[in-house]
Amino acid sequence: MKQKFDIITSTCVPLPLENVDTDQIIPARFLKATTKEESFFGENLFRDWRYKADGTLNEDFVLNDPTYGGEILVAGKNFGSGSSREHAAWAIAGYGFRVVISSFFADIHKNNELNNFVLPVVVSEAFLAELFDSIKADPKTLVEVDVPRQTVTNKATGRSETFEINGYKKYCLMNALDDIDFLLENKGKIEEWERMARG
């Protein structure tokens, strides 16, 4: 969903598992879908963890625990590894997450998130561990992600870290622009450059 990014302050959903791959984020059988409806993919985010083999809800999985909620997913190291399917980013966005925090992202998945208006925030392993501890101690712990300043703050401890983001993608997120929107926004400049290039 195209939304402008500024300062996001939210409770978090903790997923303290390492090496969560894209097949776990959205199982391969859903790649055959002919829709890109966010709600469809969001409903099937972590499908095989959220539901048991007989289709009943797995009450032990964090997304099914009403104790946790929010627009921020805090995940273990090496999030989004495996195949490059963009559907994984669609599912995360479709569920309602706007930010994913981890100590490491697979590169292709990281870019897929950015292209689908989900901000991947890379933090140190120590900061990530502290976040998990704070959320476990108090599920209402707030985390602030300041996109203009590129900082993430654990409101429970007051500790902050800075994060990196490509300048172009930062501009697009802050202005709710996808790549096509950006080109259209700069159509006049592109046409002027072409006129000058032709002499």
C-alpha atoms as a PDB file:
ATOM      1  CA  MET A   1       0.000   0.000   0.000  1.00  0.00           C
ATOM      2  CA  LYS A   2       1.353   3.403  -0.961  1.00  0.00           C
ATOM      3  CA  GLN A   3       1.690   5.442   2.216  1.00  0.00           C
ATOM      4  CA  LYS A   4       4.081   8.244   3.001  1.00  0.00           C
ATOM      5  CA  PHE A   5       6.776   7.303   5.474  1.00  0.00           C
ATOM      6  CA  ASP A   6       7.795   9.792   8.125  1.00  0.00           C
ATOM      7  CA  ILE A   7       7.951   8.716  11.775  1.00  0.00           C
ATOM      8  CA  ILE A   8       6.348   5.360  12.576  1.00  0.00           C
ATOM      9  CA  THR A   9       5.773   4.579  16.242  1.00  0.00           C
ATOM     10  CA  SER A  10       4.237   1.196  16.930  1.00  0.00           C
ATOM     11  CA  THR A  11       4.136  -1.905  19.053  1.00  0.00           C
ATOM     12  CA  CYS A  12       5.851  -4.905  17.471  1.00  0.00           C
ATOM     13  CA  VAL A  13       5.339  -8.527  16.541  1.00  0.00           C
ATOM     14  CA  PRO A  14       8.418 -10.552  17.563  1.00  0.00           C
ATOM     15  CA  LEU A  15       9.643 -13.412  15.383  1.00  0.00           C
ATOM     16  CA  PRO A  16      12.959 -14.439  16.996  1.00  0.00           C
ATOM     17  CA  LEU A  17      13.811 -17.042  14.363  1.00  0.00           C
ATOM     18  CA  GLU A  18      16.908 -16.945  12.166  1.00  0.00           C
ATOM     19  CA  ASN A  19      17.060 -17.824   8.458  1.00  0.00           C
ATOM     20  CA  VAL A  20      13.354 -17.286   7.782  1.00  0.00           C
ATOM     21  CA  ASP A  21      13.154 -17.867   4.038  1.00  0.00           C
ATOM     22  CA  THR A  22      10.652 -16.678   1.465  1.00  0.00           C
ATOM     23  CA  ASP A  23       8.945 -20.081   1.290  1.00  0.00           C
ATOM     24  CA  GLN A  24       8.117 -19.745   4.977  1.00  0.00           C
ATOM     25  CA  ILE A  25       6.961 -16.169   4.459  1.00  0.00           C
ATOM     26  CA  ILE A  26       4.633 -17.207   1.603  1.00  0.00           C
ATOM     27  CA  PRO A  27       4.553 -20.898   0.578  1.00  0.00           C
ATOM     28  CA  ALA A  28       5.259 -21.745  -3.057  1.00  0.00           C
ATOM     29  CA  ARG A  29       1.696 -22.927  -3.754  1.00  0.00           C
ATOM     30  CA  PHE A  30       0.478 -19.339  -3.515  1.00  0.00           C
ATOM     31  CA  LEU A  31       2.746 -18.191  -6.340  1.00  0.00           C
ATOM     32  CA  LYS A  32       0.185 -19.507  -8.813  1.00  0.00           C
ATOM     33  CA  ALA A  33      -2.320 -16.885  -7.699  1.00  0.00           C
ATOM     34  CA  THR A  34      -3.518 -14.612 -10.478  1.00  0.00           C
ATOM     35  CA  THR A  35      -4.199 -11.710  -8.139  1.00  0.00           C
ATOM     36  CA  LYS A  36      -1.937  -9.175  -6.489  1.00  0.00           C
ATOM     37  CA  GLU A  37      -4.585  -8.294  -3.925  1.00  0.00           C
ATOM     38  CA  GLU A  38      -2.747  -7.323  -0.767  1.00  0.00           C
ATOM     39  CA  SER A  39      -5.413  -8.888   1.429  1.00  0.00           C
ATOM     40  CA  PHE A  40      -5.036 -12.291  -0.279  1.00  0.00           C
ATOM     41  CA  PHE A  41      -1.297 -12.466   0.307  1.00  0.00           C
ATOM     42  CA  GLY A  42      -1.579 -10.889   3.747  1.00  0.00           C
ATOM     43  CA  GLU A  43      -4.030 -13.565   4.822  1.00  0.00           C
ATOM     44  CA  ASN A  44      -1.493 -16.195   3.801  1.00  0.00           C
ATOM     45  CA  LEU A  45       1.603 -14.651   5.382  1.00  0.00           C
ATOM     46  CA  PHE A  46       3.462 -17.444   7.236  1.00  0.00           C
ATOM     47  CA  ARG A  47       0.565 -19.693   6.217  1.00  0.00           C
ATOM     48  CA  ASP A  48       2.141 -22.994   7.233  1.00  0.00           C
ATOM     49  CA  TRP A  49       3.074 -21.619  10.646  1.00  0.00           C
ATOM     50  CA  ARG A  50      -0.242 -19.880  11.272  1.00  0.00           C
ATOM     51  CA  TYR A  51      -2.339 -22.949  10.499  1.00  0.00           C
ATOM     52  CA  LYS A  52      -2.058 -26.628  11.316  1.00  0.00           C
ATOM     53  CA  ALA A  53      -2.176 -29.325   8.634  1.00  0.00           C
ATOM     54  CA  ASP A  54      -5.924 -29.752   9.200  1.00  0.00           C
ATOM     55  CA  GLY A  55      -6.527 -26.044   8.561  1.00  0.00           C
ATOM     56  CA  THR A  56      -7.177 -25.068  12.161  1.00  0.00           C
ATOM     57  CA  LEU A  57      -5.450 -22.089  13.737  1.00  0.00           C
ATOM     58  CA  ASN A  58      -2.080 -22.698  15.372  1.00  0.00           C
ATOM     59  CA  GLU A  59      -2.606 -20.766  18.570  1.00  0.00           C
ATOM     60  CA  ASP A  60       1.064 -21.075  19.488  1.00  0.00           C
ATOM     61  CA  PHE A  61       2.236 -18.961  16.548  1.00  0.00           C
ATOM     62  CA  VAL A  62       2.886 -15.297  17.325  1.00  0.00           C
ATOM     63  CA  LEU A  63       0.585 -13.851  14.623  1.00  0.00           C
ATOM     64  CA  ASN A  64      -2.287 -15.694  16.268  1.00  0.00           C
ATOM     65  CA  ASP A  65      -1.431 -14.376  19.727  1.00  0.00           C
ATOM     66  CA  PRO A  66      -3.553 -11.288  20.523  1.00  0.00           C
ATOM     67  CA  THR A  67      -0.854 -10.214  22.987  1.00  0.00           C
ATOM     68  CA  TYR A  68       1.190  -8.919  20.045  1.00  0.00           C
ATOM     69  CA  GLY A  69       0.362  -6.591  17.203  1.00  0.00           C
ATOM     70  CA  GLY A  70       1.481  -3.489  15.377  1.00  0.00           C
ATOM     71  CA  GLU A  71       3.005  -2.253  12.139  1.00  0.00           C
ATOM     72  CA  ILE A  72       6.536  -3.463  12.918  1.00  0.00           C
ATOM     73  CA  LEU A  73       7.805  -7.039  12.560  1.00  0.00           C
ATOM     74  CA  VAL A  74      10.990  -7.746  14.513  1.00  0.00           C
ATOM     75  CA  ALA A  75      12.688 -10.769  12.964  1.00  0.00           C
ATOM     76  CA  GLY A  76      15.811 -12.839  13.527  1.00  0.00           C
ATOM     77  CA  LYS A  77      19.004 -12.682  11.479  1.00  0.00           C
ATOM     78  CA  ASN A  78      19.000 -13.472   7.741  1.00  0.00           C
ATOM     79  CA  PHE A  79      15.372 -12.649   7.035  1.00  0.00           C
ATOM     80  CA  GLY A  80      14.032 -13.313   3.537  1.00  0.00           C
ATOM     81  CA  SER A  81      16.638 -15.796   2.350  1.00  0.00           C
ATOM     82  CA  GLY A  82      15.877 -18.398  -0.303  1.00  0.00           C
ATOM     83  CA  SER A  83      14.102 -17.729  -3.588  1.00  0.00           C
ATOM     84  CA  SER A  84      13.649 -14.185  -4.875  1.00  0.00           C
ATOM     85  CA  ARG A  85       9.832 -14.259  -5.016  1.00  0.00           C
ATOM     86  CA  GLU A  86       8.326 -10.794  -4.719  1.00  0.00           C
ATOM     87  CA  HIS A  87       5.190 -12.398  -3.312  1.00  0.00           C
ATOM     88  CA  ALA A  88       6.935 -12.551   0.082  1.00  0.00           C
ATOM     89  CA  ALA A  89       7.072  -8.752   0.211  1.00  0.00           C
ATOM     90  CA  TRP A  90       3.442  -8.573  -0.992  1.00  0.00           C
ATOM     91  CA  ALA A  91       2.417 -10.815   1.912  1.00  0.00           C
ATOM     92  CA  ILE A  92       4.260  -8.721   4.500  1.00  0.00           C
ATOM     93  CA  ALA A  93       2.746  -5.506   3.149  1.00  0.00           C
ATOM     94  CA  GLY A  94      -0.668  -7.120   2.776  1.00  0.00           C
ATOM     95  CA  TYR A  95      -0.716  -8.182   6.409  1.00  0.00           C
ATOM     96  CA  GLY A  96      -0.154  -4.572   7.435  1.00  0.00           C
ATOM     97  CA  PHE A  97       3.515  -4.463   8.372  1.00  0.00           C
ATOM     98  CA  ARG A  98       5.223  -1.234   7.311  1.00  0.00           C
ATOM     99  CA  VAL A  99       8.612  -1.972   8.861  1.00  0.00           C
ATOM    100  CA  VAL A 100      10.679  -5.128   9.325  1.00  0.00           C
ATOM    101  CA  ILE A 101      13.627  -4.927  11.719  1.00  0.00           C
ATOM    102  CA  SER A 102      16.417  -7.506  11.594  1.00  0.00           C
ATOM    103  CA  SER A 103      20.190  -7.696  11.888  1.00  0.00           C
ATOM    104  CA  PHE A 104      20.515  -8.988   8.308  1.00  0.00           C
ATOM    105  CA  PHE A 105      18.288  -9.264   5.222  1.00  0.00           C
ATOM    106  CA  ALA A 106      18.801 -11.229   2.032  1.00  0.00           C
ATOM    107  CA  ASP A 107      19.565  -8.567  -0.595  1.00  0.00           C
ATOM    108  CA  ILE A 108      16.849  -9.408  -3.116  1.00  0.00           C
ATOM    109  CA  HIS A 109      14.159  -9.645  -0.460  1.00  0.00           C
ATOM    110  CA  LYS A 110      15.326  -6.372   1.059  1.00  0.00           C
ATOM    111  CA  ASN A 111      14.884  -4.631  -2.289  1.00  0.00           C
ATOM    112  CA  ASN A 112      11.515  -6.314  -2.841  1.00  0.00           C
ATOM    113  CA  GLU A 113      10.324  -4.916   0.492  1.00  0.00           C
ATOM    114  CA  LEU A 114      11.430  -1.407  -0.459  1.00  0.00           C
ATOM    115  CA  ASN A 115       9.660  -1.702  -3.819  1.00  0.00           C
ATOM    116  CA  ASN A 116       6.447  -2.661  -2.006  1.00  0.00           C
ATOM    117  CA  PHE A 117       6.430   0.090   0.635  1.00  0.00           C
ATOM    118  CA  VAL A 118       7.858  -1.975   3.461  1.00  0.00           C
ATOM    119  CA  LEU A 119      10.950  -0.521   5.142  1.00  0.00           C
ATOM    120  CA  PRO A 120      13.686  -3.048   6.031  1.00  0.00           C
ATOM    121  CA  VAL A 121      15.697  -1.694   8.969  1.00  0.00           C
ATOM    122  CA  VAL A 122      19.077  -3.288   9.678  1.00  0.00           C
ATOM    123  CA  VAL A 123      20.270  -3.028  13.278  1.00  0.00           C
ATOM    124  CA  SER A 124      23.129  -4.545  15.238  1.00  0.00           C
ATOM    125  CA  GLU A 125      22.666  -7.997  16.741  1.00  0.00           C
ATOM    126  CA  ALA A 126      22.951  -6.469  20.221  1.00  0.00           C
ATOM    127  CA  PHE A 127      20.193  -3.943  19.503  1.00  0.00           C
ATOM    128  CA  LEU A 128      18.006  -6.661  17.988  1.00  0.00           C
ATOM    129  CA  ALA A 129      18.472  -8.858  21.080  1.00  0.00           C
ATOM    130  CA  GLU A 130      17.546  -5.916  23.298  1.00  0.00           C
ATOM    131  CA  LEU A 131      14.385  -5.337  21.265  1.00  0.00           C
ATOM    132  CA  PHE A 132      13.333  -8.961  21.669  1.00  0.00           C
ATOM    133  CA  ASP A 133      13.972  -8.724  25.412  1.00  0.00           C
ATOM    134  CA  SER A 134      11.938  -5.512  25.741  1.00  0.00           C
ATOM    135  CA  ILE A 135       9.007  -6.897  23.749  1.00  0.00           C
ATOM    136  CA  LYS A 136       9.027 -10.132  25.755  1.00  0.00           C
ATOM    137  CA  ALA A 137       9.040  -8.170  29.020  1.00  0.00           C
ATOM    138  CA  ASP A 138       6.278  -5.851  27.822  1.00  0.00           C
ATOM    139  CA  PRO A 139       4.359  -6.572  24.599  1.00  0.00           C
ATOM    140  CA  LYS A 140       3.195  -2.939  24.605  1.00  0.00           C
ATOM    141  CA  THR A 141       6.786  -1.759  24.099  1.00  0.00           C
ATOM    142  CA  LEU A 142       6.893   0.965  21.452  1.00  0.00           C
ATOM    143  CA  VAL A 143       9.532   1.293  18.771  1.00  0.00           C
ATOM    144  CA  GLU A 144       9.995   4.523  16.829  1.00  0.00           C
ATOM    145  CA  VAL A 145      11.332   4.449  13.287  1.00  0.00           C
ATOM    146  CA  ASP A 146      12.257   7.941  12.122  1.00  0.00           C
ATOM    147  CA  VAL A 147      12.729   7.750   8.359  1.00  0.00           C
ATOM    148  CA  PRO A 148      13.951  11.347   7.807  1.00  0.00           C
ATOM    149  CA  ARG A 149      16.637  10.950  10.490  1.00  0.00           C
ATOM    150  CA  GLN A 150      17.197   7.242   9.723  1.00  0.00           C
ATOM    151  CA  THR A 151      17.009   6.228  13.360  1.00  0.00           C
ATOM    152  CA  VAL A 152      15.241   3.429  15.212  1.00  0.00           C
ATOM    153  CA  THR A 153      14.554   3.824  18.925  1.00  0.00           C
ATOM    154  CA  ASN A 154      13.536   1.313  21.559  1.00  0.00           C
ATOM    155  CA  LYS A 155      11.206   3.484  23.649  1.00  0.00           C
ATOM    156  CA  ALA A 156      11.493   1.071  26.588  1.00  0.00           C
ATOM    157  CA  THR A 157      15.220   1.696  26.997  1.00  0.00           C
ATOM    158  CA  GLY A 158      15.696   4.946  25.116  1.00  0.00           C
ATOM    159  CA  ARG A 159      18.456   3.395  23.028  1.00  0.00           C
ATOM    160  CA  SER A 160      18.701   4.317  19.349  1.00  0.00           C
ATOM    161  CA  GLU A 161      20.613   3.189  16.303  1.00  0.00           C
ATOM    162  CA  THR A 162      20.916   4.662  12.841  1.00  0.00           C
ATOM    163  CA  PHE A 163      20.097   2.618   9.754  1.00  0.00           C
ATOM    164  CA  GLU A 164      21.087   2.873   6.111  1.00  0.00           C
ATOM    165  CA  ILE A 165      18.714   3.405   3.229  1.00  0.00           C
ATOM    166  CA  ASN A 166      19.329   4.218  -0.416  1.00  0.00           C
ATOM    167  CA  GLY A 167      18.663   7.932  -0.986  1.00  0.00           C
ATOM    168  CA  TYR A 168      16.385   7.300  -3.961  1.00  0.00           C
ATOM    169  CA  LYS A 169      14.304   4.730  -2.075  1.00  0.00           C
ATOM    170  CA  LYS A 170      14.121   7.028   0.938  1.00  0.00           C
ATOM    171  CA  TYR A 171      12.717   9.800  -1.264  1.00  0.00           C
ATOM    172  CA  CYS A 172      10.193   7.414  -2.802  1.00  0.00           C
ATOM    173  CA  LEU A 173       9.008   6.094   0.578  1.00  0.00           C
ATOM    174  CA  MET A 174       8.699   9.571   2.066  1.00  0.00           C
ATOM    175  CA  ASN A 175       6.626  10.703  -0.918  1.00  0.00           C
ATOM    176  CA  ALA A 176       4.641   7.479  -1.513  1.00  0.00           C
ATOM    177  CA  LEU A 177       6.112   7.033  -4.988  1.00  0.00           C
ATOM    178  CA  ASP A 178       6.868   3.813  -6.796  1.00  0.00           C
ATOM    179  CA  ASP A 179       9.363   3.760  -9.677  1.00  0.00           C
ATOM    180  CA  ILE A 180       6.722   4.688 -12.269  1.00  0.00           C
ATOM    181  CA  ASP A 181       5.387   7.517 -10.102  1.00  0.00           C
ATOM    182  CA  PHE A 182       8.934   8.860  -9.767  1.00  0.00           C
ATOM    183  CA  LEU A 183       9.426   8.861 -13.548  1.00  0.00           C
ATOM    184  CA  LEU A 184       6.091  10.617 -14.065  1.00  0.00           C
ATOM    185  CA  GLU A 185       6.998  13.187 -11.413  1.00  0.00           C
ATOM    186  CA  ASN A 186      10.150  13.930 -13.391  1.00  0.00           C
ATOM    187  CA  LYS A 187       8.594  13.721 -16.860  1.00  0.00           C
ATOM    188  CA  GLY A 188       9.244  17.402 -17.569  1.00  0.00           C
ATOM    189  CA  LYS A 189      12.928  17.126 -16.622  1.00  0.00           C
ATOM    190  CA  ILE A 190      13.329  13.985 -18.739  1.00  0.00           C
ATOM    191  CA  GLU A 191      11.731  15.649 -21.771  1.00  0.00           C
ATOM    192  CA  GLU A 192      13.902  18.745 -21.308  1.00  0.00           C
ATOM    193  CA  TRP A 193      17.043  16.592 -21.123  1.00  0.00           C
ATOM    194  CA  GLU A 194      16.004  14.803 -24.315  1.00  0.00           C
ATOM    195  CA  ARG A 195      15.474  18.126 -26.083  1.00  0.00           C
ATOM    196  CA  MET A 196      18.926  19.306 -24.997  1.00  0.00           C
ATOM    197  CA  ALA A 197      20.520  15.999 -26.009  1.00  0.00           C
ATOM    198  CA  ARG A 198      19.032  16.290 -29.490  1.00  0.00           C
ATOM    199  CA  GLY A 199      20.485  19.805 -29.729  1.00  0.00           C
END
